[in-house]
């Protein structure tokens, strides 16, 4: 992780029923915030602190996904009849 002392000015804008702030790309990249959950807190009367929350999702391996697939089909084959019109079966 790179540490950057770049200071940027940005604005708070209306976003739906709330407000949003656009974070500079270097901040998101340096802190790996893409798709991250953050905790928002207020410090004093003029500071907002964003804290990256740990990723609680367990990494699932391909072997685990395959093990969870049913060995037998759950549904019976459905006969939709023969072709109609210009359908080709």
C-alpha atoms as a PDB file:
ATOM      1  CA  UNK A   1       0.000   0.000   0.000  1.00  0.00           C
ATOM      2  CA  UNK A   2       1.341   3.377  -0.984  1.00  0.00           C
ATOM      3  CA  UNK A   3       1.079   6.256   1.416  1.00  0.00           C
ATOM      4  CA  UNK A   4       0.190   9.493  -0.265  1.00  0.00           C
ATOM      5  CA  UNK A   5       0.224  12.918   1.300  1.00  0.00           C
ATOM      6  CA  UNK A   6      -1.651  14.477  -1.612  1.00  0.00           C
ATOM      7  CA  UNK A   7      -4.413  16.737  -0.373  1.00  0.00           C
ATOM      8  CA  UNK A   8      -7.413  17.187  -2.624  1.00  0.00           C
ATOM      9  CA  UNK A   9     -10.505  19.294  -2.350  1.00  0.00           C
ATOM     10  CA  UNK A  10     -13.819  17.746  -3.297  1.00  0.00           C
ATOM     11  CA  UNK A  11     -17.461  18.652  -2.820  1.00  0.00           C
ATOM     12  CA  UNK A  12     -20.395  16.971  -1.145  1.00  0.00           C
ATOM     13  CA  UNK A  13     -23.257  16.574  -3.605  1.00  0.00           C
ATOM     14  CA  UNK A  14     -26.882  15.480  -3.404  1.00  0.00           C
ATOM     15  CA  UNK A  15     -27.174  11.803  -4.365  1.00  0.00           C
ATOM     16  CA  UNK A  16     -30.659  10.304  -4.357  1.00  0.00           C
ATOM     17  CA  UNK A  17     -32.195  10.910  -0.932  1.00  0.00           C
ATOM     18  CA  UNK A  18     -28.782  11.450   0.668  1.00  0.00           C
ATOM     19  CA  UNK A  19     -25.406  12.968  -0.060  1.00  0.00           C
ATOM     20  CA  UNK A  20     -22.206  11.606  -1.537  1.00  0.00           C
ATOM     21  CA  UNK A  21     -18.576  12.529  -1.875  1.00  0.00           C
ATOM     22  CA  UNK A  22     -16.354  11.506  -4.766  1.00  0.00           C
ATOM     23  CA  UNK A  23     -13.103  10.005  -3.503  1.00  0.00           C
ATOM     24  CA  UNK A  24     -10.013  10.561  -5.643  1.00  0.00           C
ATOM     25  CA  UNK A  25      -8.812   7.452  -7.518  1.00  0.00           C
ATOM     26  CA  UNK A  26      -5.463   7.406  -5.701  1.00  0.00           C
ATOM     27  CA  UNK A  27      -7.285   7.103  -2.339  1.00  0.00           C
ATOM     28  CA  UNK A  28      -9.457   4.192  -3.521  1.00  0.00           C
ATOM     29  CA  UNK A  29      -6.459   2.473  -5.132  1.00  0.00           C
ATOM     30  CA  UNK A  30      -4.039   3.018  -2.229  1.00  0.00           C
ATOM     31  CA  UNK A  31      -6.510   1.747   0.379  1.00  0.00           C
ATOM     32  CA  UNK A  32      -8.077  -0.927  -1.868  1.00  0.00           C
ATOM     33  CA  UNK A  33     -11.567   0.465  -1.319  1.00  0.00           C
ATOM     34  CA  UNK A  34     -13.190  -0.763  -4.542  1.00  0.00           C
ATOM     35  CA  UNK A  35     -16.457  -2.486  -3.454  1.00  0.00           C
ATOM     36  CA  UNK A  36     -15.398  -2.213   0.204  1.00  0.00           C
ATOM     37  CA  UNK A  37     -17.690  -1.585   3.158  1.00  0.00           C
ATOM     38  CA  UNK A  38     -16.685   1.414   5.276  1.00  0.00           C
ATOM     39  CA  UNK A  39     -17.704   2.635   8.706  1.00  0.00           C
ATOM     40  CA  UNK A  40     -18.448   6.360   8.946  1.00  0.00           C
ATOM     41  CA  UNK A  41     -17.828   8.268  12.167  1.00  0.00           C
ATOM     42  CA  UNK A  42     -17.541  11.900  13.175  1.00  0.00           C
ATOM     43  CA  UNK A  43     -14.533  13.201  15.080  1.00  0.00           C
ATOM     44  CA  UNK A  44     -14.913  16.537  16.809  1.00  0.00           C
ATOM     45  CA  UNK A  45     -16.938  19.172  14.980  1.00  0.00           C
ATOM     46  CA  UNK A  46     -15.198  19.160  11.608  1.00  0.00           C
ATOM     47  CA  UNK A  47     -13.824  15.704  10.758  1.00  0.00           C
ATOM     48  CA  UNK A  48     -15.351  12.652   9.102  1.00  0.00           C
ATOM     49  CA  UNK A  49     -13.492   9.355   9.495  1.00  0.00           C
ATOM     50  CA  UNK A  50     -13.997   6.465   7.059  1.00  0.00           C
ATOM     51  CA  UNK A  51     -12.694   3.112   8.278  1.00  0.00           C
ATOM     52  CA  UNK A  52     -12.444   0.143   5.919  1.00  0.00           C
ATOM     53  CA  UNK A  53     -14.298  -2.838   7.347  1.00  0.00           C
ATOM     54  CA  UNK A  54     -12.797  -6.313   7.095  1.00  0.00           C
ATOM     55  CA  UNK A  55     -14.168  -8.468   4.286  1.00  0.00           C
ATOM     56  CA  UNK A  56     -16.343 -11.076   6.010  1.00  0.00           C
ATOM     57  CA  UNK A  57     -17.077 -13.059   2.871  1.00  0.00           C
ATOM     58  CA  UNK A  58     -15.344 -16.405   2.834  1.00  0.00           C
ATOM     59  CA  UNK A  59     -13.486 -17.183  -0.372  1.00  0.00           C
ATOM     60  CA  UNK A  60     -15.215 -20.184  -1.950  1.00  0.00           C
ATOM     61  CA  UNK A  61     -13.121 -22.598  -3.965  1.00  0.00           C
ATOM     62  CA  UNK A  62     -14.261 -24.275  -7.166  1.00  0.00           C
ATOM     63  CA  UNK A  63     -14.161 -27.658  -5.396  1.00  0.00           C
ATOM     64  CA  UNK A  64     -16.568 -26.367  -2.713  1.00  0.00           C
ATOM     65  CA  UNK A  65     -18.955 -25.038  -5.367  1.00  0.00           C
ATOM     66  CA  UNK A  66     -18.919 -28.337  -7.270  1.00  0.00           C
ATOM     67  CA  UNK A  67     -19.571 -30.293  -4.045  1.00  0.00           C
ATOM     68  CA  UNK A  68     -22.717 -28.242  -3.452  1.00  0.00           C
ATOM     69  CA  UNK A  69     -24.242 -29.166  -6.835  1.00  0.00           C
ATOM     70  CA  UNK A  70     -26.940 -31.835  -6.583  1.00  0.00           C
ATOM     71  CA  UNK A  71     -25.905 -35.161  -8.084  1.00  0.00           C
ATOM     72  CA  UNK A  72     -29.384 -35.830  -9.455  1.00  0.00           C
ATOM     73  CA  UNK A  73     -31.496 -33.304 -11.338  1.00  0.00           C
ATOM     74  CA  UNK A  74     -34.172 -31.763  -9.135  1.00  0.00           C
ATOM     75  CA  UNK A  75     -36.658 -31.351 -11.963  1.00  0.00           C
ATOM     76  CA  UNK A  76     -38.070 -33.715 -14.501  1.00  0.00           C
ATOM     77  CA  UNK A  77     -37.613 -33.122 -18.209  1.00  0.00           C
ATOM     78  CA  UNK A  78     -40.491 -31.077 -19.628  1.00  0.00           C
ATOM     79  CA  UNK A  79     -41.837 -31.845 -23.099  1.00  0.00           C
ATOM     80  CA  UNK A  80     -42.771 -28.618 -24.853  1.00  0.00           C
ATOM     81  CA  UNK A  81     -44.089 -30.444 -27.928  1.00  0.00           C
ATOM     82  CA  UNK A  82     -42.857 -30.308 -31.482  1.00  0.00           C
ATOM     83  CA  UNK A  83     -41.753 -27.255 -33.434  1.00  0.00           C
ATOM     84  CA  UNK A  84     -44.370 -24.663 -34.310  1.00  0.00           C
ATOM     85  CA  UNK A  85     -44.120 -22.212 -37.154  1.00  0.00           C
ATOM     86  CA  UNK A  86     -40.526 -21.776 -38.314  1.00  0.00           C
ATOM     87  CA  UNK A  87     -38.894 -23.149 -35.131  1.00  0.00           C
ATOM     88  CA  UNK A  88     -36.151 -25.648 -35.700  1.00  0.00           C
ATOM     89  CA  UNK A  89     -35.507 -28.370 -33.112  1.00  0.00           C
END
